[in-house]
């Protein structure tokens, strides 16, 4: 009645099959880990942590006195494709150049106050006389594509700090010596200061 026992596999063979199953499970788990790592890389191709501390990100003035620039989420540094985010701080009396760029730009003033100069007639032969707007903590403003503008910190006692969001990164900037300089004479700066180590070929002006 126990004749079927003679058809069983030896104990060692059963153990080998068990070990084999453990090996298959181990390989399967390794494959799952590799797939997870691949998917994480696809979401974050630069291999950077998903959550980052702003005060640990690279900060520089890029040769512009009074400026502190941090690329919070960038095209070249973090693989962003549609938008780029900067944190910029301007010391009292400092300012941006008069400039335009072929992207939309949104500012959120975190602290301080100052002035925005904006030439809505920028699509003529030159920017023209700008309109002046006060900016202040908890205010926001946006700059349309290719409108010339300039931001000043006119507060003598406090830094002006803003969160800046641009579309279509990386940014290419056309700089003017004054508001009546023709567009054809504006100086193209591309790659811009915080991008110039990564890009070398300037694109065509789209104005």
Protein backbone atom coordinates (compact mmCIF):
# COMPACT_ATOMS: atom_id res chain seq x y z
CA UNK A 1 0.00 0.00 0.00
CA UNK A 2 2.97 2.27 0.35
CA UNK A 3 4.35 1.37 -3.04
CA UNK A 4 3.86 4.92 -4.29
CA UNK A 5 6.70 6.06 -2.04
CA UNK A 6 9.05 4.38 -4.40
CA UNK A 7 8.08 6.85 -7.08
CA UNK A 8 9.00 9.93 -4.97
CA UNK A 9 12.10 11.94 -5.82
CA UNK A 10 15.03 11.62 -3.44
CA UNK A 11 15.20 14.13 -0.57
CA UNK A 12 18.25 15.84 -2.05
CA UNK A 13 16.44 16.44 -5.31
CA UNK A 14 13.50 18.05 -3.48
CA UNK A 15 15.92 20.31 -1.61
CA UNK A 16 17.56 21.26 -4.87
CA UNK A 17 14.21 22.16 -6.37
CA UNK A 18 13.44 24.31 -3.29
CA UNK A 19 16.77 26.09 -3.59
CA UNK A 20 16.07 26.61 -7.28
CA UNK A 21 12.74 28.25 -6.49
CA UNK A 22 14.45 30.56 -4.00
CA UNK A 23 16.94 31.52 -6.69
CA UNK A 24 14.13 32.26 -9.14
CA UNK A 25 12.39 34.41 -6.51
CA UNK A 26 15.66 36.23 -5.81
CA UNK A 27 16.21 36.90 -9.50
CA UNK A 28 12.60 38.06 -9.86
CA UNK A 29 13.04 40.49 -6.97
CA UNK A 30 16.24 41.85 -8.51
CA UNK A 31 14.42 42.38 -11.80
CA UNK A 32 11.63 44.24 -9.97
CA UNK A 33 14.20 46.47 -8.28
CA UNK A 34 15.88 47.20 -11.60
CA UNK A 35 12.53 48.08 -13.19
CA UNK A 36 11.70 50.37 -10.26
CA UNK A 37 15.09 52.07 -10.57
CA UNK A 38 14.55 52.48 -14.32
CA UNK A 39 11.11 54.04 -13.81
CA UNK A 40 12.52 56.39 -11.16
CA UNK A 41 15.29 57.37 -13.57
CA UNK A 42 12.74 58.05 -16.32
CA UNK A 43 10.85 60.35 -13.94
CA UNK A 44 14.08 61.97 -12.71
CA UNK A 45 16.75 61.44 -15.42
CA UNK A 46 19.34 63.54 -13.65
CA UNK A 47 19.40 61.07 -10.76
CA UNK A 48 18.65 63.77 -8.18
CA UNK A 49 16.50 63.31 -5.06
CA UNK A 50 12.82 63.96 -5.69
CA UNK A 51 12.69 66.21 -2.59
CA UNK A 52 15.51 68.72 -2.23
CA UNK A 53 16.37 71.45 0.30
CA UNK A 54 16.56 74.84 -1.37
CA UNK A 55 19.41 76.03 0.86
CA UNK A 56 21.51 73.08 -0.36
CA UNK A 57 21.07 73.91 -4.07
CA UNK A 58 23.85 75.73 -5.99
CA UNK A 59 23.72 79.50 -5.51
CA UNK A 60 25.75 82.19 -7.31
CA UNK A 61 25.58 85.79 -8.51
CA UNK A 62 27.04 84.83 -11.94
CA UNK A 63 29.09 88.01 -12.07
CA UNK A 64 26.13 90.32 -11.35
CA UNK A 65 26.66 92.32 -8.18
CA UNK A 66 23.72 92.20 -5.79
CA UNK A 67 22.14 89.09 -7.29
CA UNK A 68 21.66 85.69 -5.70
CA UNK A 69 20.31 83.09 -8.15
CA UNK A 70 19.20 79.52 -7.40
CA UNK A 71 17.77 77.25 -10.08
CA UNK A 72 15.11 75.41 -8.08
CA UNK A 73 13.97 73.22 -10.97
CA UNK A 74 15.77 73.61 -14.27
CA UNK A 75 15.92 72.26 -17.78
CA UNK A 76 19.62 71.47 -17.74
CA UNK A 77 20.11 70.73 -14.06
CA UNK A 78 16.97 68.69 -13.39
CA UNK A 79 15.61 67.62 -16.78
CA UNK A 80 12.57 69.94 -16.81
CA UNK A 81 10.96 70.19 -20.26
CA UNK A 82 8.04 72.65 -20.01
CA UNK A 83 8.88 75.10 -17.22
CA UNK A 84 11.84 76.26 -15.14
CA UNK A 85 11.76 77.74 -11.62
CA UNK A 86 14.28 80.15 -10.09
CA UNK A 87 14.66 81.76 -6.69
CA UNK A 88 16.26 85.18 -7.10
CA UNK A 89 17.24 87.71 -4.45
CA UNK A 90 18.24 91.29 -5.31
CA UNK A 91 20.15 93.42 -2.82
CA UNK A 92 19.04 97.05 -2.33
CA UNK A 93 19.76 99.09 -5.47
CA UNK A 94 20.36 96.07 -7.72
CA UNK A 95 18.35 95.24 -10.82
CA UNK A 96 18.02 93.10 -13.91
CA UNK A 97 19.16 94.42 -17.29
CA UNK A 98 16.57 95.69 -19.75
CA UNK A 99 15.80 92.49 -21.60
CA UNK A 100 13.28 90.25 -23.33
CA UNK A 101 13.02 86.53 -23.96
CA UNK A 102 10.96 84.19 -26.14
CA UNK A 103 9.07 82.66 -23.21
CA UNK A 104 6.39 83.59 -20.72
CA UNK A 105 7.56 84.58 -17.25
CA UNK A 106 5.73 84.72 -13.93
CA UNK A 107 7.05 86.40 -10.77
CA UNK A 108 5.91 85.85 -7.20
CA UNK A 109 7.33 88.41 -4.77
CA UNK A 110 8.20 86.63 -1.53
CA UNK A 111 9.62 89.61 0.35
CA UNK A 112 10.75 93.17 -0.20
CA UNK A 113 9.55 95.75 -2.68
CA UNK A 114 10.67 97.44 -5.86
CA UNK A 115 9.67 98.51 -9.35
CA UNK A 116 8.77 96.70 -12.56
CA UNK A 117 9.39 98.49 -15.84
CA UNK A 118 7.45 96.92 -18.69
CA UNK A 119 7.30 97.96 -22.36
CA UNK A 120 4.07 96.59 -23.79
CA UNK A 121 5.01 98.12 -27.17
CA UNK A 122 8.02 95.82 -27.46
CA UNK A 123 6.81 94.38 -30.75
CA UNK A 124 7.56 97.63 -32.59
CA UNK A 125 11.10 98.35 -33.81
CA UNK A 126 12.32 99.01 -30.27
CA UNK A 127 10.88 98.56 -26.76
CA UNK A 128 9.82 102.19 -26.29
CA UNK A 129 9.05 104.01 -23.05
CA UNK A 130 8.11 101.50 -20.33
CA UNK A 131 5.26 101.66 -17.88
CA UNK A 132 6.24 101.59 -14.21
CA UNK A 133 4.56 99.35 -11.62
CA UNK A 134 5.18 98.99 -7.89
CA UNK A 135 5.86 95.43 -6.75
CA UNK A 136 5.73 94.27 -3.14
CA UNK A 137 5.59 91.24 -0.88
CA UNK A 138 2.71 88.87 -1.73
CA UNK A 139 2.26 90.38 -5.20
CA UNK A 140 2.64 88.63 -8.53
CA UNK A 141 3.03 89.68 -12.17
CA UNK A 142 3.67 88.06 -15.52
CA UNK A 143 5.63 89.06 -18.61
CA UNK A 144 4.30 88.07 -22.06
CA UNK A 145 6.58 86.55 -24.68
CA UNK A 146 9.20 89.00 -26.03
CA UNK A 147 8.03 92.01 -23.98
CA UNK A 148 11.04 94.04 -22.79
CA UNK A 149 11.15 94.56 -19.03
CA UNK A 150 13.35 95.33 -16.06
CA UNK A 151 13.04 94.78 -12.30
CA UNK A 152 14.65 97.03 -9.68
CA UNK A 153 14.97 96.69 -5.94
CA UNK A 154 14.27 100.29 -4.94
CA UNK A 155 14.03 99.49 -1.22
CA UNK A 156 17.18 100.76 0.51
CA UNK A 157 16.68 98.61 3.60
CA UNK A 158 15.55 95.18 2.42
CA UNK A 159 16.35 92.51 -0.15
CA UNK A 160 13.83 91.82 -2.91
CA UNK A 161 13.24 88.07 -3.20
CA UNK A 162 11.14 86.51 -5.94
CA UNK A 163 10.16 83.11 -7.23
CA UNK A 164 10.41 83.16 -11.03
CA UNK A 165 8.78 80.67 -13.40
CA UNK A 166 9.57 80.62 -17.13
CA UNK A 167 8.16 78.53 -19.96
CA UNK A 168 10.06 76.86 -22.79
CA UNK A 169 13.42 76.45 -21.04
CA UNK A 170 16.31 76.96 -21.31
CA UNK A 171 15.94 80.73 -21.52
CA UNK A 172 17.51 82.85 -24.25
CA UNK A 173 17.82 86.54 -23.42
CA UNK A 174 18.17 89.66 -25.57
CA UNK A 175 19.73 92.54 -23.62
CA UNK A 176 19.25 96.27 -24.33
CA UNK A 177 21.41 99.23 -23.34
CA UNK A 178 18.33 101.48 -23.15
CA UNK A 179 14.62 101.43 -23.97
CA UNK A 180 15.14 102.95 -27.43
CA UNK A 181 17.74 100.47 -28.67
CA UNK A 182 16.46 98.70 -31.83
CA UNK A 183 15.66 95.02 -31.48
CA UNK A 184 18.23 94.28 -34.16
CA UNK A 185 20.95 95.79 -31.94
CA UNK A 186 19.99 93.91 -28.76
CA UNK A 187 22.68 91.52 -27.59
CA UNK A 188 21.73 87.86 -27.47
CA UNK A 189 22.92 86.07 -24.34
CA UNK A 190 22.50 82.35 -24.87
CA UNK A 191 23.25 80.18 -23.09
CA UNK A 192 22.39 82.44 -20.16
CA UNK A 193 24.83 82.77 -17.27
CA UNK A 194 23.54 79.82 -15.24
CA UNK A 195 23.26 77.64 -18.37
CA UNK A 196 26.41 78.54 -20.30
CA UNK A 197 28.47 75.60 -19.07
CA UNK A 198 25.97 73.22 -20.67
CA UNK A 199 24.86 74.80 -23.95
CA UNK A 200 26.91 76.25 -26.76
CA UNK A 201 24.78 76.68 -29.95
CA UNK A 202 22.63 79.86 -30.00
CA UNK A 203 19.10 79.50 -31.46
CA UNK A 204 17.43 81.85 -33.92
CA UNK A 205 15.62 84.96 -32.69
CA UNK A 206 11.87 84.36 -32.88
CA UNK A 207 10.65 87.95 -32.73
